[in-house]
C-alpha cells in the first residue's frame, strides 16, 4: 500500500522526499465523486463554498474540532481533493484503521489539489475518514479543512457505508471508523496479528454491524483504563478494562438480544483509570458479530427465577429482576437482585423445559459492590438444584455442567457453555451478598 500526503514548502525535507518518491501517475480507471455524494457521511458543522474554482462548483469546509467526513468505497485507491491555502490546517486521516496526519496549509490558495492519496489497496470495500483537529502548522493562519471531491481508482463510492456481518471483524476492517489518536500494535497474541490502542480522552472506534449481538474483543492488562460503550449512539455502559494478570483477546463487553438489523457500537477512551491501574489505555482488537434472526433470543427472559434470600425493603431486589430484560446495573434504578449475607448465596432460573444453551451472559451491579461477584460458579442441569446445594456438591454432580468464574463481570461477561439443561444457577463460593443485574441465556 502506498500513501502520499501533499508536499508543500512547509514540510520537513524527509517528508518532501517521501512525497516526491510516491508522486507517480495514477493507473487504471478513475471515478470522481463530489463532496455531496451519498457515499460521504459528515458529522459536525460543515459549510458550503460555492465557486467555479471548486470541482463541481462547490466544496465543504470546516474548522470545527472533531468534525468528520467518512467516505466508503470499493476500489484499489483513493485521492482526497481539497484546497491548500494559508488558512488551512491539519487533519487526522484513517484508511481502514491506519492513521495519518495531513497538513493542508499552502503559502498561496490552490483549488482542486490532491491532499492525500492511497494506492495499491486490495480490490474491495474500504473506508477513509477525515477528522478536523483545529490545529495548524507554524506557518498557518487558520485551521480550515476542505472536502471538494474524491478520485477513486478502479471502483466507486458505497452509499450507506460498510457493514460488518456475522462472524469476526478485525480492527482494520472498513466497517470500523476511528476518531482521535489510535496507535497500531503488531503482535501474534492479537486476533489477526494486530490491534490498536488509545489513551487520549474522546478517541473513538465505531463499528457498524448487522446482527442481534456483538462482543468487543480487546487486550487487557495492568495499564488499561476506563472506556465508555455506546450502542446506536446511546451510552450503554462504562467499562473498566484493567486486568491482572493480562489477557489477550478478552471478551471485554457483550451485548445480545438486539433487534435484528443494523446497529453501531462505539468504544470511547476516557483518559481515566482506576487507582490500581498504571495507565488509561483502551484496546480494540476485534469484534464478534452475532447472527441475524431469532436464534439469538434470550431464553431466560420472563422465566421463573428464585434465590437463596431477598434483601429486605426493596421489592426490586427479588430474583425476577435478573430476567426482566433490563441490564441496568444501578441498584436504585430498580432492576438489580440482592440476597442477604448468605453462605454460598445463589440465584437460579427455571426455563420450563430443557434447552440447548450456547452462551451465558452475566451482568453485574455497577453502582457499587462489583467485586462481590469475583468468585462464583454457574451450573446448568436438567436435574433441579436444592436449596442447600453448594458449589462443592454440584461441581462434580453427574449431568451438571459447571463453570468457575474468578473475575467480576465489568459490567458483563459472556461464558461459552455448550450445555443442555432446564435449570441454571449462579452461586457464590463464599459468604457474601449476591447481586445480579441480568442473566441472559442464548442458544
Protein backbone atom coordinates (compact mmCIF):
# COMPACT_ATOMS: atom_id res chain seq x y z
CA UNK A 1 0.00 0.00 0.00
CA UNK A 2 1.38 3.42 -0.96
CA UNK A 3 0.38 6.64 0.78
CA UNK A 4 1.03 10.19 -0.34
CA UNK A 5 0.31 13.35 1.63
CA UNK A 6 0.55 16.58 -0.35
CA UNK A 7 4.00 18.17 -0.46
CA UNK A 8 4.34 21.86 0.24
CA UNK A 9 7.16 24.12 1.27
CA UNK A 10 6.29 23.95 4.97
CA UNK A 11 7.05 20.22 5.26
CA UNK A 12 10.31 18.79 6.54
CA UNK A 13 12.86 17.67 3.92
CA UNK A 14 12.29 14.00 4.79
CA UNK A 15 8.57 14.37 4.15
CA UNK A 16 9.23 16.20 0.89
CA UNK A 17 11.45 13.38 -0.30
CA UNK A 18 8.81 10.83 0.61
CA UNK A 19 6.13 12.72 -1.29
CA UNK A 20 8.34 13.07 -4.34
CA UNK A 21 9.09 9.36 -4.37
CA UNK A 22 5.39 8.47 -4.41
CA UNK A 23 4.14 11.05 -6.88
CA UNK A 24 3.76 8.62 -9.71
CA UNK A 25 1.00 8.77 -12.28
CA UNK A 26 -2.29 7.07 -11.50
CA UNK A 27 -3.10 3.87 -13.29
CA UNK A 28 -6.42 2.22 -14.07
CA UNK A 29 -9.88 3.77 -14.31
CA UNK A 30 -10.57 6.73 -12.02
CA UNK A 31 -14.05 7.88 -10.98
CA UNK A 32 -14.61 11.26 -9.30
CA UNK A 33 -17.27 11.68 -6.65
CA UNK A 34 -18.14 15.19 -5.48
CA UNK A 35 -18.36 16.23 -1.83
CA UNK A 36 -22.17 15.91 -1.97
CA UNK A 37 -22.08 12.24 -2.94
CA UNK A 38 -24.21 9.95 -0.77
CA UNK A 39 -21.23 7.71 -0.07
CA UNK A 40 -19.80 10.50 2.14
CA UNK A 41 -21.14 10.88 5.69
CA UNK A 42 -20.48 14.11 7.58
CA UNK A 43 -20.64 14.86 11.29
CA UNK A 44 -20.20 18.23 12.97
CA UNK A 45 -20.74 21.63 11.36
CA UNK A 46 -19.64 21.88 7.73
CA UNK A 47 -20.09 24.91 5.47
CA UNK A 48 -20.59 25.09 1.72
CA UNK A 49 -18.33 27.16 -0.50
CA UNK A 50 -19.71 27.93 -3.94
CA UNK A 51 -17.07 28.76 -6.52
CA UNK A 52 -16.35 27.79 -10.09
CA UNK A 53 -12.81 27.03 -8.89
CA UNK A 54 -14.10 24.00 -6.96
CA UNK A 55 -14.74 20.66 -8.62
CA UNK A 56 -18.44 20.62 -9.49
CA UNK A 57 -18.74 24.23 -8.38
CA UNK A 58 -18.96 23.60 -4.60
CA UNK A 59 -16.88 22.30 -1.69
CA UNK A 60 -17.41 21.65 2.02
CA UNK A 61 -15.19 23.18 4.70
CA UNK A 62 -14.98 23.49 8.47
CA UNK A 63 -12.61 24.31 11.31
CA UNK A 64 -14.79 22.67 13.98
CA UNK A 65 -12.69 20.32 16.12
CA UNK A 66 -13.87 16.72 15.82
CA UNK A 67 -15.92 17.27 12.67
CA UNK A 68 -15.54 14.29 10.34
CA UNK A 69 -16.15 13.24 6.76
CA UNK A 70 -16.22 9.49 6.09
CA UNK A 71 -16.23 8.09 2.56
CA UNK A 72 -17.00 4.42 1.91
CA UNK A 73 -15.81 2.99 -1.38
CA UNK A 74 -14.69 -0.05 -3.32
CA UNK A 75 -11.55 0.07 -5.38
CA UNK A 76 -7.76 -0.05 -5.29
CA UNK A 77 -7.00 3.57 -4.42
CA UNK A 78 -8.40 6.94 -3.44
CA UNK A 79 -7.32 10.60 -3.56
CA UNK A 80 -8.80 13.34 -1.38
CA UNK A 81 -9.22 16.55 -3.38
CA UNK A 82 -9.33 19.84 -1.47
CA UNK A 83 -7.93 23.33 -1.06
CA UNK A 84 -4.47 24.48 0.01
CA UNK A 85 -4.18 27.98 1.41
CA UNK A 86 -2.62 29.95 4.28
CA UNK A 87 -5.76 29.49 6.39
CA UNK A 88 -5.92 25.70 6.07
CA UNK A 89 -4.90 23.38 8.90
CA UNK A 90 -4.31 19.81 9.99
CA UNK A 91 -6.48 16.71 9.66
CA UNK A 92 -6.25 13.18 11.00
CA UNK A 93 -6.93 10.64 8.26
CA UNK A 94 -7.71 6.96 8.81
CA UNK A 95 -7.71 4.44 5.97
CA UNK A 96 -9.17 1.14 7.25
CA UNK A 97 -7.87 1.95 10.74
CA UNK A 98 -4.38 3.15 9.73
CA UNK A 99 -3.75 6.69 10.96
CA UNK A 100 -2.05 9.50 9.05
CA UNK A 101 -1.70 13.24 9.68
CA UNK A 102 -2.23 15.60 6.75
CA UNK A 103 -1.22 19.28 6.70
CA UNK A 104 -3.36 21.21 4.19
CA UNK A 105 -1.51 24.53 4.59
CA UNK A 106 -0.32 26.26 1.43
CA UNK A 107 1.52 29.58 1.07
CA UNK A 108 -0.95 30.53 -1.67
CA UNK A 109 -4.51 29.48 -2.42
CA UNK A 110 -4.76 26.48 -4.72
CA UNK A 111 -8.04 24.73 -5.56
CA UNK A 112 -8.70 21.11 -6.54
CA UNK A 113 -5.44 19.86 -5.07
CA UNK A 114 -4.70 16.23 -4.11
CA UNK A 115 -4.26 16.32 -0.34
CA UNK A 116 -3.91 12.61 0.39
CA UNK A 117 -3.52 9.56 -1.84
CA UNK A 118 -3.52 5.83 -1.17
CA UNK A 119 -2.85 3.26 -3.88
CA UNK A 120 -2.27 -0.47 -4.11
CA UNK A 121 -5.26 -1.46 -1.96
CA UNK A 122 -6.92 -4.83 -2.21
CA UNK A 123 -9.80 -4.52 -4.66
CA UNK A 124 -12.73 -4.46 -2.26
CA UNK A 125 -14.52 -2.28 0.30
CA UNK A 126 -12.62 0.41 2.23
CA UNK A 127 -13.31 3.37 4.47
CA UNK A 128 -11.46 6.71 4.53
CA UNK A 129 -12.24 9.08 7.39
CA UNK A 130 -11.06 12.69 7.74
CA UNK A 131 -11.19 14.33 11.17
CA UNK A 132 -10.64 18.05 11.71
CA UNK A 133 -8.20 18.69 14.57
CA UNK A 134 -8.47 22.52 14.72
CA UNK A 135 -4.67 22.64 14.63
CA UNK A 136 -2.25 24.37 12.25
CA UNK A 137 1.45 24.26 11.49
CA UNK A 138 3.90 27.04 12.36
CA UNK A 139 3.13 28.96 9.15
CA UNK A 140 -0.62 28.55 9.21
CA UNK A 141 -3.10 31.38 9.81
CA UNK A 142 -6.11 29.11 10.33
CA UNK A 143 -7.26 25.54 10.76
CA UNK A 144 -9.81 25.09 7.96
CA UNK A 145 -10.12 21.75 6.20
CA UNK A 146 -11.75 21.44 2.77
CA UNK A 147 -13.53 18.49 1.14
CA UNK A 148 -14.00 19.11 -2.59
CA UNK A 149 -14.08 15.61 -4.11
CA UNK A 150 -12.55 12.13 -4.10
CA UNK A 151 -10.98 10.28 -7.01
CA UNK A 152 -11.49 6.52 -6.69
CA UNK A 153 -9.33 4.13 -8.67
CA UNK A 154 -10.99 1.03 -10.14
CA UNK A 155 -14.12 1.43 -8.06
CA UNK A 156 -16.87 3.71 -6.80
CA UNK A 157 -18.46 5.13 -3.67
CA UNK A 158 -20.65 2.93 -1.47
CA UNK A 159 -23.87 4.53 -0.25
CA UNK A 160 -24.76 3.74 3.35
CA UNK A 161 -21.27 2.75 4.47
CA UNK A 162 -19.66 -0.64 5.08
CA UNK A 163 -21.42 -3.01 7.48
CA UNK A 164 -19.96 -5.96 9.38
CA UNK A 165 -21.93 -9.20 9.26
CA UNK A 166 -21.95 -12.35 11.39
CA UNK A 167 -18.52 -13.60 12.41
CA UNK A 168 -15.26 -11.98 13.50
CA UNK A 169 -14.42 -8.47 12.30
CA UNK A 170 -10.83 -7.31 12.78
CA UNK A 171 -9.93 -3.80 13.94
CA UNK A 172 -8.70 -2.83 10.46
CA UNK A 173 -12.00 -3.67 8.77
CA UNK A 174 -13.65 -0.95 6.65
CA UNK A 175 -16.73 -1.46 8.85
CA UNK A 176 -14.87 0.50 11.56
CA UNK A 177 -14.22 4.22 11.72
CA UNK A 178 -11.84 5.96 14.11
CA UNK A 179 -11.50 9.44 15.57
CA UNK A 180 -8.80 10.77 17.86
CA UNK A 181 -5.39 9.13 18.11
CA UNK A 182 -5.10 5.35 17.87
CA UNK A 183 -1.76 3.58 17.73
CA UNK A 184 -1.12 0.25 15.97
CA UNK A 185 0.27 -2.72 17.88
CA UNK A 186 1.60 -5.73 15.99
CA UNK A 187 1.75 -8.99 17.94
CA UNK A 188 0.89 -12.63 17.39
CA UNK A 189 -1.18 -12.57 20.60
CA UNK A 190 -3.81 -10.38 18.94
CA UNK A 191 -6.61 -11.61 16.72
CA UNK A 192 -5.33 -11.30 13.17
CA UNK A 193 -1.89 -10.34 14.48
CA UNK A 194 -2.61 -6.71 15.22
CA UNK A 195 -4.69 -4.33 17.36
CA UNK A 196 -4.99 -0.61 18.06
CA UNK A 197 -4.89 1.30 21.34
CA UNK A 198 -5.64 4.82 22.51
CA UNK A 199 -5.26 6.81 25.71
CA UNK A 200 -6.46 10.29 24.71
CA UNK A 201 -9.88 11.16 26.10
CA UNK A 202 -12.51 11.23 23.37
CA UNK A 203 -10.74 8.88 20.96
CA UNK A 204 -13.41 6.65 19.46
CA UNK A 205 -13.71 3.44 17.46
CA UNK A 206 -17.12 2.75 15.90
CA UNK A 207 -18.28 -0.41 14.17
CA UNK A 208 -21.42 -0.64 12.06
CA UNK A 209 -22.82 -4.17 12.12
CA UNK A 210 -25.86 -6.18 11.10
CA UNK A 211 -26.79 -8.71 13.76
CA UNK A 212 -28.50 -9.37 17.05
CA UNK A 213 -25.41 -9.26 19.24
CA UNK A 214 -21.80 -8.18 19.39
CA UNK A 215 -18.72 -8.82 21.54
CA UNK A 216 -15.85 -6.35 21.87
CA UNK A 217 -12.54 -8.26 21.85
CA UNK A 218 -9.59 -6.45 23.45
CA UNK A 219 -6.23 -6.82 25.14
CA UNK A 220 -6.47 -6.07 28.88
CA UNK A 221 -3.62 -5.55 31.33
CA UNK A 222 -2.36 -3.59 34.34
CA UNK A 223 -2.08 -0.40 32.27
CA UNK A 224 -5.60 -0.46 30.84
CA UNK A 225 -8.17 2.21 31.60
CA UNK A 226 -11.85 3.02 31.55
CA UNK A 227 -13.95 3.20 28.37
CA UNK A 228 -17.45 4.28 27.54
CA UNK A 229 -19.53 1.99 25.32
CA UNK A 230 -22.31 3.40 23.15
CA UNK A 231 -24.94 1.36 21.34
CA UNK A 232 -26.73 3.12 18.49
CA UNK A 233 -25.49 6.44 19.83
CA UNK A 234 -26.75 5.98 23.40
CA UNK A 235 -24.44 5.39 26.36
CA UNK A 236 -24.69 1.71 27.19
CA UNK A 237 -22.04 1.23 29.88
CA UNK A 238 -18.78 2.39 31.41
CA UNK A 239 -16.22 -0.41 31.34
CA UNK A 240 -13.04 -0.70 33.39
CA UNK A 241 -10.67 -2.74 31.20
CA UNK A 242 -7.94 -3.11 33.85
CA UNK A 243 -6.99 -6.74 34.38
CA UNK A 244 -4.19 -8.52 36.22
CA UNK A 245 -2.74 -10.77 35.03
CA UNK A 246 -3.00 -9.55 31.45
CA UNK A 247 -5.23 -11.31 28.93
CA UNK A 248 -5.17 -11.12 25.15
CA UNK A 249 -8.33 -11.43 23.05
CA UNK A 250 -10.54 -10.93 26.11
CA UNK A 251 -14.30 -10.68 25.64
CA UNK A 252 -14.46 -7.22 27.18
CA UNK A 253 -18.09 -6.29 26.59
CA UNK A 254 -21.01 -8.38 25.31
CA UNK A 255 -24.42 -7.35 24.03
CA UNK A 256 -27.00 -9.89 22.88
CA UNK A 257 -30.71 -9.96 22.16
CA UNK A 258 -30.75 -6.90 19.90
CA UNK A 259 -33.47 -6.32 17.35
CA UNK A 260 -32.44 -7.83 14.04
CA UNK A 261 -30.93 -5.16 11.81
CA UNK A 262 -28.13 -2.62 11.55
CA UNK A 263 -26.56 -1.15 14.69
CA UNK A 264 -23.48 0.79 15.74
CA UNK A 265 -21.19 0.13 18.69
CA UNK A 266 -18.73 2.81 19.79
CA UNK A 267 -15.79 2.39 22.16
CA UNK A 268 -14.58 5.70 23.62
CA UNK A 269 -11.41 6.23 25.64
CA UNK A 270 -12.00 8.40 28.71
CA UNK A 271 -8.37 9.07 29.59
CA UNK A 272 -9.08 7.78 33.11
CA UNK A 273 -8.32 4.64 35.08
CA UNK A 274 -8.92 3.06 38.46
CA UNK A 275 -6.37 3.72 41.24
CA UNK A 276 -4.76 0.31 40.75
CA UNK A 277 -4.00 0.75 37.06
CA UNK A 278 -0.76 2.19 35.75
CA UNK A 279 -2.36 3.72 32.64
CA UNK A 280 -5.52 4.61 30.74
CA UNK A 281 -5.02 2.60 27.55
CA UNK A 282 -8.04 1.25 25.69
CA UNK A 283 -7.53 -1.54 23.16
CA UNK A 284 -9.58 -2.61 20.16
CA UNK A 285 -8.58 -5.98 18.72
CA UNK A 286 -11.71 -7.30 17.02
CA UNK A 287 -15.48 -7.72 17.28
CA UNK A 288 -17.59 -10.88 17.12
CA UNK A 289 -20.95 -10.16 15.50
CA UNK A 290 -23.89 -12.41 16.31
CA UNK A 291 -26.14 -13.72 13.54
CA UNK A 292 -29.29 -12.04 12.28
CA UNK A 293 -32.50 -13.83 13.20
CA UNK A 294 -34.35 -15.25 16.15
CA UNK A 295 -31.56 -17.63 17.13
CA UNK A 296 -30.09 -15.02 19.49
CA UNK A 297 -33.23 -14.68 21.63
CA UNK A 298 -32.71 -14.67 25.39
CA UNK A 299 -34.07 -17.97 26.75
CA UNK A 300 -34.18 -16.72 30.35
CA UNK A 301 -36.19 -13.55 29.92
CA UNK A 302 -39.51 -13.68 31.73
CA UNK A 303 -38.92 -17.15 33.16
CA UNK A 304 -39.39 -18.10 36.84
CA UNK A 305 -36.39 -17.18 39.00
CA UNK A 306 -35.65 -17.79 42.68
CA UNK A 307 -32.78 -17.04 45.05
CA UNK A 308 -31.42 -18.06 48.44
CA UNK A 309 -32.94 -14.99 50.15
CA UNK A 310 -34.06 -11.46 49.27
CA UNK A 311 -32.63 -8.31 50.79
CA UNK A 312 -35.47 -6.67 52.78
CA UNK A 313 -37.06 -3.34 51.99
CA UNK A 314 -36.65 -3.39 48.21
CA UNK A 315 -39.19 -5.21 46.04
CA UNK A 316 -36.86 -4.88 43.05
CA UNK A 317 -34.22 -6.98 44.87
CA UNK A 318 -36.28 -10.09 44.06
CA UNK A 319 -34.89 -12.78 41.76
CA UNK A 320 -37.11 -11.78 38.84
CA UNK A 321 -35.14 -8.57 38.31
CA UNK A 322 -32.39 -10.63 36.66
CA UNK A 323 -34.72 -11.92 33.94
CA UNK A 324 -36.72 -8.75 33.20
CA UNK A 325 -34.76 -7.82 30.06
CA UNK A 326 -33.13 -4.80 31.71
CA UNK A 327 -29.33 -4.83 32.05
CA UNK A 328 -29.17 -1.57 34.05
CA UNK A 329 -26.75 -2.34 36.91
CA UNK A 330 -27.62 0.58 39.17
CA UNK A 331 -29.45 -0.90 42.16
CA UNK A 332 -31.69 2.08 42.89
CA UNK A 333 -32.94 2.13 39.30
CA UNK A 334 -34.97 -0.91 40.31
CA UNK A 335 -33.70 -3.83 38.24
CA UNK A 336 -30.93 -5.49 40.30
CA UNK A 337 -31.35 -8.51 42.55
CA UNK A 338 -29.87 -8.76 46.05
CA UNK A 339 -29.70 -11.54 48.62
CA UNK A 340 -28.83 -11.27 52.29
CA UNK A 341 -25.33 -12.02 53.57
CA UNK A 342 -25.67 -15.74 52.81
CA UNK A 343 -23.16 -18.56 52.75
CA UNK A 344 -22.99 -19.76 49.14
CA UNK A 345 -25.72 -17.31 48.12
CA UNK A 346 -27.46 -18.48 44.95
CA UNK A 347 -29.78 -17.34 42.20
CA UNK A 348 -31.43 -19.63 39.66
CA UNK A 349 -33.91 -19.73 36.79
CA UNK A 350 -36.26 -22.48 35.58
CA UNK A 351 -36.63 -22.41 31.79
CA UNK A 352 -39.70 -24.62 31.94
CA UNK A 353 -38.18 -27.19 29.59
CA UNK A 354 -34.74 -28.48 28.70
CA UNK A 355 -32.90 -26.24 26.22
CA UNK A 356 -29.55 -26.10 24.46
CA UNK A 357 -27.55 -23.21 25.95
CA UNK A 358 -24.65 -21.93 23.89
CA UNK A 359 -23.64 -18.93 25.98
CA UNK A 360 -24.45 -17.36 29.33
CA UNK A 361 -24.09 -13.62 29.89
CA UNK A 362 -23.84 -12.37 33.48
CA UNK A 363 -24.49 -8.66 34.14
CA UNK A 364 -23.11 -7.26 37.39
CA UNK A 365 -24.20 -4.46 39.69
CA UNK A 366 -22.27 -1.30 38.74
CA UNK A 367 -23.08 1.44 41.28
CA UNK A 368 -21.09 -0.36 43.95
CA UNK A 369 -20.07 -3.79 45.18
CA UNK A 370 -18.96 -5.26 41.85
CA UNK A 371 -16.10 -7.27 43.43
CA UNK A 372 -18.63 -9.33 45.39
CA UNK A 373 -19.02 -11.30 42.18
CA UNK A 374 -15.34 -12.16 41.77
CA UNK A 375 -15.64 -15.83 42.80
CA UNK A 376 -18.75 -17.62 41.64
CA UNK A 377 -19.98 -20.71 39.82
CA UNK A 378 -22.51 -21.21 37.04
CA UNK A 379 -24.35 -24.53 36.80
CA UNK A 380 -26.67 -25.96 34.12
CA UNK A 381 -28.66 -29.15 34.59
CA UNK A 382 -31.88 -30.97 33.83
CA UNK A 383 -31.92 -32.03 37.50
CA UNK A 384 -33.32 -29.39 39.88
CA UNK A 385 -30.94 -27.71 42.31
CA UNK A 386 -31.67 -27.99 46.02
CA UNK A 387 -31.77 -25.06 48.42
CA UNK A 388 -28.78 -26.47 50.30
CA UNK A 389 -26.65 -27.44 47.29
CA UNK A 390 -23.24 -25.77 47.23
CA UNK A 391 -20.51 -25.45 44.60
CA UNK A 392 -18.79 -28.35 46.34
CA UNK A 393 -21.79 -30.66 45.89
CA UNK A 394 -22.67 -29.52 42.38
CA UNK A 395 -19.37 -29.14 40.53
CA UNK A 396 -18.94 -32.90 40.13
CA UNK A 397 -22.60 -33.93 40.09
CA UNK A 398 -23.47 -36.21 37.18
CA UNK A 399 -25.36 -34.46 34.37
CA UNK A 400 -24.47 -30.98 35.61
CA UNK A 401 -22.39 -28.55 33.58
CA UNK A 402 -20.29 -26.13 35.65
CA UNK A 403 -18.03 -23.12 35.16
CA UNK A 404 -15.95 -21.42 37.87
CA UNK A 405 -15.52 -17.66 37.35
CA UNK A 406 -12.89 -15.66 39.27
CA UNK A 407 -13.18 -12.24 37.60
CA UNK A 408 -16.11 -9.99 38.40
CA UNK A 409 -18.13 -9.02 35.29
CA UNK A 410 -17.48 -5.39 34.42
CA UNK A 411 -20.27 -4.84 33.66
CA UNK A 412 -20.87 -8.14 31.88
CA UNK A 413 -19.13 -11.32 30.91
CA UNK A 414 -20.03 -13.96 28.35
CA UNK A 415 -19.41 -17.62 29.21
CA UNK A 416 -19.37 -20.23 26.46
CA UNK A 417 -21.49 -23.13 27.66
CA UNK A 418 -22.50 -25.68 25.04
CA UNK A 419 -24.70 -27.24 27.71
CA UNK A 420 -28.16 -28.77 27.87
CA UNK A 421 -30.49 -28.10 30.77
CA UNK A 422 -33.68 -26.69 32.20
CA UNK A 423 -32.21 -25.13 35.33
CA UNK A 424 -29.41 -22.55 35.51
CA UNK A 425 -27.84 -21.43 38.78
CA UNK A 426 -25.36 -18.67 39.70
CA UNK A 427 -23.77 -19.30 43.12
CA UNK A 428 -21.09 -17.64 45.22
CA UNK A 429 -18.17 -19.67 46.55
CA UNK A 430 -18.03 -17.95 49.96
CA UNK A 431 -20.24 -15.79 52.17
CA UNK A 432 -21.47 -12.52 50.68
CA UNK A 433 -24.39 -10.67 49.16
CA UNK A 434 -25.26 -11.80 45.62
CA UNK A 435 -26.49 -9.11 43.22
CA UNK A 436 -27.25 -9.59 39.54
CA UNK A 437 -28.41 -7.00 37.03
CA UNK A 438 -29.36 -9.62 34.42
CA UNK A 439 -28.70 -13.22 33.43
CA UNK A 440 -29.07 -13.93 29.72
CA UNK A 441 -29.07 -17.39 28.14
CA UNK A 442 -28.55 -17.79 24.40
CA UNK A 443 -28.78 -20.92 22.23
